[in-house]
């Protein structure tokens, strides 16, 4: 992964983490909340350590999808 791609992923990860939790997750069932928390934890770990880039990319996409942020 090039440095430019990594910076882009870090930007998208920060944006996804800082976005408010969607109402569908807040008002949904426990499984949706658990999925959201697991994605947020994986993305947060990537932002702290910079490791597991492919896993972080998957979870960033999932968070963006839940939040309606997909380009």
PDB file of N, CA and C in Angstrom:
ATOM      1  N   UNK A   1       0.850  -1.170   0.000  1.00  0.00           N
ATOM      2  CA  UNK A   1       0.000   0.000   0.000  1.00  0.00           C
ATOM      3  C   UNK A   1       0.894   1.230   0.000  1.00  0.00           C
ATOM      4  N   UNK A   2       0.595   2.131  -0.888  1.00  0.00           N
ATOM      5  CA  UNK A   2       1.394   3.351  -0.983  1.00  0.00           C
ATOM      6  C   UNK A   2       1.076   4.287   0.188  1.00  0.00           C
ATOM      7  N   UNK A   3       1.979   5.187   0.486  1.00  0.00           N
ATOM      8  CA  UNK A   3       1.719   6.145   1.576  1.00  0.00           C
ATOM      9  C   UNK A   3       0.468   6.992   1.328  1.00  0.00           C
ATOM     10  N   UNK A   4       0.221   7.305   0.063  1.00  0.00           N
ATOM     11  CA  UNK A   4      -0.957   8.105  -0.264  1.00  0.00           C
ATOM     12  C   UNK A   4      -2.245   7.331   0.029  1.00  0.00           C
ATOM     13  N   UNK A   5      -2.263   6.051  -0.307  1.00  0.00           N
ATOM     14  CA  UNK A   5      -3.433   5.212  -0.035  1.00  0.00           C
ATOM     15  C   UNK A   5      -3.646   5.051   1.469  1.00  0.00           C
ATOM     16  N   UNK A   6      -2.551   4.931   2.203  1.00  0.00           N
ATOM     17  CA  UNK A   6      -2.654   4.789   3.656  1.00  0.00           C
ATOM     18  C   UNK A   6      -3.202   6.065   4.286  1.00  0.00           C
ATOM     19  N   UNK A   7      -2.754   7.222   3.811  1.00  0.00           N
ATOM     20  CA  UNK A   7      -3.283   8.498   4.323  1.00  0.00           C
ATOM     21  C   UNK A   7      -4.775   8.624   4.020  1.00  0.00           C
ATOM     22  N   UNK A   8      -5.177   8.192   2.827  1.00  0.00           N
ATOM     23  CA  UNK A   8      -6.587   8.243   2.459  1.00  0.00           C
ATOM     24  C   UNK A   8      -7.409   7.349   3.388  1.00  0.00           C
ATOM     25  N   UNK A   9      -6.911   6.157   3.663  1.00  0.00           N
ATOM     26  CA  UNK A   9      -7.619   5.247   4.559  1.00  0.00           C
ATOM     27  C   UNK A   9      -7.682   5.821   5.974  1.00  0.00           C
ATOM     28  N   UNK A  10      -6.612   6.440   6.435  1.00  0.00           N
ATOM     29  CA  UNK A  10      -6.618   7.054   7.761  1.00  0.00           C
ATOM     30  C   UNK A  10      -7.629   8.193   7.827  1.00  0.00           C
ATOM     31  N   UNK A  11      -7.712   8.991   6.768  1.00  0.00           N
ATOM     32  CA  UNK A  11      -8.692  10.082   6.726  1.00  0.00           C
ATOM     33  C   UNK A  11     -10.111   9.518   6.792  1.00  0.00           C
ATOM     34  N   UNK A  12     -10.381   8.506   5.971  1.00  0.00           N
ATOM     35  CA  UNK A  12     -11.717   7.905   5.952  1.00  0.00           C
ATOM     36  C   UNK A  12     -12.045   7.248   7.279  1.00  0.00           C
ATOM     37  N   UNK A  13     -11.046   6.633   7.912  1.00  0.00           N
ATOM     38  CA  UNK A  13     -11.266   5.993   9.214  1.00  0.00           C
ATOM     39  C   UNK A  13     -11.611   7.040  10.274  1.00  0.00           C
ATOM     40  N   UNK A  14     -10.879   8.137  10.295  1.00  0.00           N
ATOM     41  CA  UNK A  14     -11.167   9.208  11.262  1.00  0.00           C
ATOM     42  C   UNK A  14     -12.557   9.777  11.035  1.00  0.00           C
ATOM     43  N   UNK A  15     -12.917   9.973   9.775  1.00  0.00           N
ATOM     44  CA  UNK A  15     -14.239  10.510   9.448  1.00  0.00           C
ATOM     45  C   UNK A  15     -15.335   9.552   9.907  1.00  0.00           C
ATOM     46  N   UNK A  16     -15.131   8.260   9.703  1.00  0.00           N
ATOM     47  CA  UNK A  16     -16.133   7.272  10.103  1.00  0.00           C
ATOM     48  C   UNK A  16     -16.255   7.177  11.623  1.00  0.00           C
ATOM     49  N   UNK A  17     -15.129   7.273  12.323  1.00  0.00           N
ATOM     50  CA  UNK A  17     -15.165   7.193  13.787  1.00  0.00           C
ATOM     51  C   UNK A  17     -15.816   8.440  14.388  1.00  0.00           C
ATOM     52  N   UNK A  18     -15.550   9.605  13.802  1.00  0.00           N
ATOM     53  CA  UNK A  18     -16.066  10.860  14.360  1.00  0.00           C
ATOM     54  C   UNK A  18     -17.531  11.115  14.022  1.00  0.00           C
ATOM     55  N   UNK A  19     -18.059  10.419  13.035  1.00  0.00           N
ATOM     56  CA  UNK A  19     -19.463  10.622  12.645  1.00  0.00           C
ATOM     57  C   UNK A  19     -20.377  10.110  13.764  1.00  0.00           C
ATOM     58  N   UNK A  20     -21.535  10.726  13.920  1.00  0.00           N
ATOM     59  CA  UNK A  20     -22.460  10.255  14.957  1.00  0.00           C
ATOM     60  C   UNK A  20     -22.980   8.849  14.632  1.00  0.00           C
ATOM     61  N   UNK A  21     -23.343   8.130  15.676  1.00  0.00           N
ATOM     62  CA  UNK A  21     -23.899   6.785  15.492  1.00  0.00           C
ATOM     63  C   UNK A  21     -25.257   6.926  14.808  1.00  0.00           C
ATOM     64  N   UNK A  22     -25.498   6.180  13.726  1.00  0.00           N
ATOM     65  CA  UNK A  22     -26.760   6.306  13.003  1.00  0.00           C
ATOM     66  C   UNK A  22     -27.962   5.835  13.830  1.00  0.00           C
ATOM     67  N   UNK A  23     -29.108   6.417  13.555  1.00  0.00           N
ATOM     68  CA  UNK A  23     -30.331   6.051  14.273  1.00  0.00           C
ATOM     69  C   UNK A  23     -30.689   4.584  14.064  1.00  0.00           C
ATOM     70  N   UNK A  24     -30.369   4.057  12.897  1.00  0.00           N
ATOM     71  CA  UNK A  24     -30.683   2.646  12.644  1.00  0.00           C
ATOM     72  C   UNK A  24     -29.951   1.737  13.621  1.00  0.00           C
ATOM     73  N   UNK A  25     -28.772   2.142  14.065  1.00  0.00           N
ATOM     74  CA  UNK A  25     -28.024   1.357  15.044  1.00  0.00           C
ATOM     75  C   UNK A  25     -28.553   1.637  16.449  1.00  0.00           C
ATOM     76  N   UNK A  26     -28.847   2.884  16.749  1.00  0.00           N
ATOM     77  CA  UNK A  26     -29.353   3.241  18.074  1.00  0.00           C
ATOM     78  C   UNK A  26     -30.710   2.607  18.352  1.00  0.00           C
ATOM     79  N   UNK A  27     -31.556   2.575  17.340  1.00  0.00           N
ATOM     80  CA  UNK A  27     -32.912   2.056  17.522  1.00  0.00           C
ATOM     81  C   UNK A  27     -33.045   0.606  17.068  1.00  0.00           C
ATOM     82  N   UNK A  28     -31.977   0.045  16.562  1.00  0.00           N
ATOM     83  CA  UNK A  28     -32.011  -1.325  16.060  1.00  0.00           C
ATOM     84  C   UNK A  28     -31.845  -2.350  17.170  1.00  0.00           C
ATOM     85  N   UNK A  29     -31.605  -3.578  16.744  1.00  0.00           N
ATOM     86  CA  UNK A  29     -31.462  -4.654  17.722  1.00  0.00           C
ATOM     87  C   UNK A  29     -30.032  -4.718  18.258  1.00  0.00           C
ATOM     88  N   UNK A  30     -29.823  -5.622  19.184  1.00  0.00           N
ATOM     89  CA  UNK A  30     -28.513  -5.740  19.832  1.00  0.00           C
ATOM     90  C   UNK A  30     -27.443  -6.194  18.844  1.00  0.00           C
ATOM     91  N   UNK A  31     -27.814  -6.990  17.858  1.00  0.00           N
ATOM     92  CA  UNK A  31     -26.833  -7.484  16.882  1.00  0.00           C
ATOM     93  C   UNK A  31     -26.261  -6.327  16.053  1.00  0.00           C
ATOM     94  N   UNK A  32     -27.106  -5.391  15.650  1.00  0.00           N
ATOM     95  CA  UNK A  32     -26.629  -4.227  14.892  1.00  0.00           C
ATOM     96  C   UNK A  32     -25.671  -3.394  15.731  1.00  0.00           C
ATOM     97  N   UNK A  33     -25.997  -3.205  16.982  1.00  0.00           N
ATOM     98  CA  UNK A  33     -25.134  -2.431  17.868  1.00  0.00           C
ATOM     99  C   UNK A  33     -23.794  -3.132  18.062  1.00  0.00           C
ATOM    100  N   UNK A  34     -23.823  -4.449  18.220  1.00  0.00           N
ATOM    101  CA  UNK A  34     -22.585  -5.209  18.399  1.00  0.00           C
ATOM    102  C   UNK A  34     -21.726  -5.143  17.142  1.00  0.00           C
ATOM    103  N   UNK A  35     -22.339  -5.232  15.960  1.00  0.00           N
ATOM    104  CA  UNK A  35     -21.599  -5.121  14.705  1.00  0.00           C
ATOM    105  C   UNK A  35     -20.942  -3.749  14.583  1.00  0.00           C
ATOM    106  N   UNK A  36     -21.689  -2.712  14.914  1.00  0.00           N
ATOM    107  CA  UNK A  36     -21.170  -1.356  14.828  1.00  0.00           C
ATOM    108  C   UNK A  36     -19.991  -1.171  15.782  1.00  0.00           C
ATOM    109  N   UNK A  37     -20.130  -1.666  17.015  1.00  0.00           N
ATOM    110  CA  UNK A  37     -19.055  -1.537  17.998  1.00  0.00           C
ATOM    111  C   UNK A  37     -17.808  -2.305  17.573  1.00  0.00           C
ATOM    112  N   UNK A  38     -18.003  -3.475  16.979  1.00  0.00           N
ATOM    113  CA  UNK A  38     -16.862  -4.272  16.522  1.00  0.00           C
ATOM    114  C   UNK A  38     -16.130  -3.555  15.389  1.00  0.00           C
ATOM    115  N   UNK A  39     -16.874  -2.970  14.483  1.00  0.00           N
ATOM    116  CA  UNK A  39     -16.261  -2.213  13.381  1.00  0.00           C
ATOM    117  C   UNK A  39     -15.507  -1.007  13.928  1.00  0.00           C
ATOM    118  N   UNK A  40     -16.138  -0.288  14.836  1.00  0.00           N
ATOM    119  CA  UNK A  40     -15.496   0.895  15.412  1.00  0.00           C
ATOM    120  C   UNK A  40     -14.232   0.516  16.173  1.00  0.00           C
ATOM    121  N   UNK A  41     -14.244  -0.617  16.868  1.00  0.00           N
ATOM    122  CA  UNK A  41     -13.060  -1.059  17.604  1.00  0.00           C
ATOM    123  C   UNK A  41     -11.918  -1.405  16.653  1.00  0.00           C
ATOM    124  N   UNK A  42     -12.232  -2.088  15.554  1.00  0.00           N
ATOM    125  CA  UNK A  42     -11.193  -2.457  14.585  1.00  0.00           C
ATOM    126  C   UNK A  42     -10.597  -1.220  13.926  1.00  0.00           C
ATOM    127  N   UNK A  43     -11.449  -0.258  13.599  1.00  0.00           N
ATOM    128  CA  UNK A  43     -10.966   0.980  12.969  1.00  0.00           C
ATOM    129  C   UNK A  43     -10.149   1.792  13.971  1.00  0.00           C
ATOM    130  N   UNK A  44     -10.593   1.843  15.205  1.00  0.00           N
ATOM    131  CA  UNK A  44      -9.838   2.549  16.240  1.00  0.00           C
ATOM    132  C   UNK A  44      -8.464   1.936  16.468  1.00  0.00           C
ATOM    133  N   UNK A  45      -8.400   0.614  16.437  1.00  0.00           N
ATOM    134  CA  UNK A  45      -7.109  -0.067  16.595  1.00  0.00           C
ATOM    135  C   UNK A  45      -6.177   0.271  15.436  1.00  0.00           C
ATOM    136  N   UNK A  46      -6.717   0.336  14.233  1.00  0.00           N
ATOM    137  CA  UNK A  46      -5.902   0.720  13.080  1.00  0.00           C
ATOM    138  C   UNK A  46      -5.372   2.138  13.243  1.00  0.00           C
ATOM    139  N   UNK A  47      -6.209   3.048  13.692  1.00  0.00           N
ATOM    140  CA  UNK A  47      -5.775   4.434  13.849  1.00  0.00           C
ATOM    141  C   UNK A  47      -4.692   4.555  14.928  1.00  0.00           C
ATOM    142  N   UNK A  48      -4.769   3.741  15.968  1.00  0.00           N
ATOM    143  CA  UNK A  48      -3.761   3.788  17.032  1.00  0.00           C
ATOM    144  C   UNK A  48      -2.444   3.161  16.603  1.00  0.00           C
ATOM    145  N   UNK A  49      -2.517   2.019  15.907  1.00  0.00           N
ATOM    146  CA  UNK A  49      -1.302   1.248  15.630  1.00  0.00           C
ATOM    147  C   UNK A  49      -0.828   1.330  14.186  1.00  0.00           C
ATOM    148  N   UNK A  50      -1.751   1.514  13.245  1.00  0.00           N
ATOM    149  CA  UNK A  50      -1.382   1.514  11.832  1.00  0.00           C
ATOM    150  C   UNK A  50      -1.234   0.118  11.254  1.00  0.00           C
ATOM    151  N   UNK A  51      -1.600  -0.907  12.023  1.00  0.00           N
ATOM    152  CA  UNK A  51      -1.480  -2.292  11.585  1.00  0.00           C
ATOM    153  C   UNK A  51      -2.820  -2.817  11.086  1.00  0.00           C
ATOM    154  N   UNK A  52      -2.794  -3.973  10.458  1.00  0.00           N
ATOM    155  CA  UNK A  52      -3.980  -4.665   9.941  1.00  0.00           C
ATOM    156  C   UNK A  52      -4.774  -3.771   8.988  1.00  0.00           C
ATOM    157  N   UNK A  53      -4.104  -3.349   7.952  1.00  0.00           N
ATOM    158  CA  UNK A  53      -4.684  -2.402   7.007  1.00  0.00           C
ATOM    159  C   UNK A  53      -5.879  -2.986   6.276  1.00  0.00           C
ATOM    160  N   UNK A  54      -5.766  -4.230   5.818  1.00  0.00           N
ATOM    161  CA  UNK A  54      -6.870  -4.837   5.068  1.00  0.00           C
ATOM    162  C   UNK A  54      -8.112  -5.009   5.940  1.00  0.00           C
ATOM    163  N   UNK A  55      -7.907  -5.412   7.174  1.00  0.00           N
ATOM    164  CA  UNK A  55      -9.038  -5.545   8.106  1.00  0.00           C
ATOM    165  C   UNK A  55      -9.676  -4.183   8.351  1.00  0.00           C
ATOM    166  N   UNK A  56      -8.844  -3.178   8.521  1.00  0.00           N
ATOM    167  CA  UNK A  56      -9.363  -1.829   8.755  1.00  0.00           C
ATOM    168  C   UNK A  56     -10.135  -1.324   7.543  1.00  0.00           C
ATOM    169  N   UNK A  57      -9.637  -1.604   6.346  1.00  0.00           N
ATOM    170  CA  UNK A  57     -10.326  -1.158   5.131  1.00  0.00           C
ATOM    171  C   UNK A  57     -11.734  -1.756   5.064  1.00  0.00           C
ATOM    172  N   UNK A  58     -11.855  -3.042   5.383  1.00  0.00           N
ATOM    173  CA  UNK A  58     -13.155  -3.706   5.389  1.00  0.00           C
ATOM    174  C   UNK A  58     -14.101  -3.041   6.384  1.00  0.00           C
ATOM    175  N   UNK A  59     -13.603  -2.787   7.586  1.00  0.00           N
ATOM    176  CA  UNK A  59     -14.463  -2.207   8.625  1.00  0.00           C
ATOM    177  C   UNK A  59     -14.783  -0.742   8.348  1.00  0.00           C
ATOM    178  N   UNK A  60     -13.878  -0.019   7.726  1.00  0.00           N
ATOM    179  CA  UNK A  60     -14.187   1.363   7.334  1.00  0.00           C
ATOM    180  C   UNK A  60     -15.331   1.358   6.327  1.00  0.00           C
ATOM    181  N   UNK A  61     -15.283   0.466   5.371  1.00  0.00           N
ATOM    182  CA  UNK A  61     -16.370   0.367   4.389  1.00  0.00           C
ATOM    183  C   UNK A  61     -17.697   0.017   5.060  1.00  0.00           C
ATOM    184  N   UNK A  62     -17.640  -0.892   6.029  1.00  0.00           N
ATOM    185  CA  UNK A  62     -18.875  -1.259   6.733  1.00  0.00           C
ATOM    186  C   UNK A  62     -19.431  -0.069   7.516  1.00  0.00           C
ATOM    187  N   UNK A  63     -18.558   0.662   8.220  1.00  0.00           N
ATOM    188  CA  UNK A  63     -19.016   1.841   8.968  1.00  0.00           C
ATOM    189  C   UNK A  63     -19.594   2.893   8.029  1.00  0.00           C
ATOM    190  N   UNK A  64     -18.892   3.152   6.921  1.00  0.00           N
ATOM    191  CA  UNK A  64     -19.398   4.138   5.973  1.00  0.00           C
ATOM    192  C   UNK A  64     -20.752   3.717   5.415  1.00  0.00           C
ATOM    193  N   UNK A  65     -20.918   2.433   5.176  1.00  0.00           N
ATOM    194  CA  UNK A  65     -22.204   1.940   4.690  1.00  0.00           C
ATOM    195  C   UNK A  65     -23.312   2.135   5.706  1.00  0.00           C
ATOM    196  N   UNK A  66     -23.028   1.857   6.974  1.00  0.00           N
ATOM    197  CA  UNK A  66     -24.030   2.036   8.033  1.00  0.00           C
ATOM    198  C   UNK A  66     -24.387   3.508   8.219  1.00  0.00           C
ATOM    199  N   UNK A  67     -23.412   4.380   7.994  1.00  0.00           N
ATOM    200  CA  UNK A  67     -23.611   5.815   8.215  1.00  0.00           C
ATOM    201  C   UNK A  67     -24.086   6.548   6.979  1.00  0.00           C
ATOM    202  N   UNK A  68     -24.074   5.889   5.838  1.00  0.00           N
ATOM    203  CA  UNK A  68     -24.477   6.548   4.596  1.00  0.00           C
ATOM    204  C   UNK A  68     -23.398   7.470   4.058  1.00  0.00           C
ATOM    205  N   UNK A  69     -22.128   7.184   4.349  1.00  0.00           N
ATOM    206  CA  UNK A  69     -21.019   8.042   3.916  1.00  0.00           C
ATOM    207  C   UNK A  69     -20.309   7.516   2.673  1.00  0.00           C
ATOM    208  N   UNK A  70     -20.760   6.419   2.130  1.00  0.00           N
ATOM    209  CA  UNK A  70     -20.055   5.848   0.969  1.00  0.00           C
ATOM    210  C   UNK A  70     -20.074   6.817  -0.195  1.00  0.00           C
ATOM    211  N   UNK A  71     -18.920   6.938  -0.883  1.00  0.00           N
ATOM    212  CA  UNK A  71     -18.855   7.881  -2.022  1.00  0.00           C
ATOM    213  C   UNK A  71     -19.647   7.400  -3.211  1.00  0.00           C
TER     214      UNK A  71
END
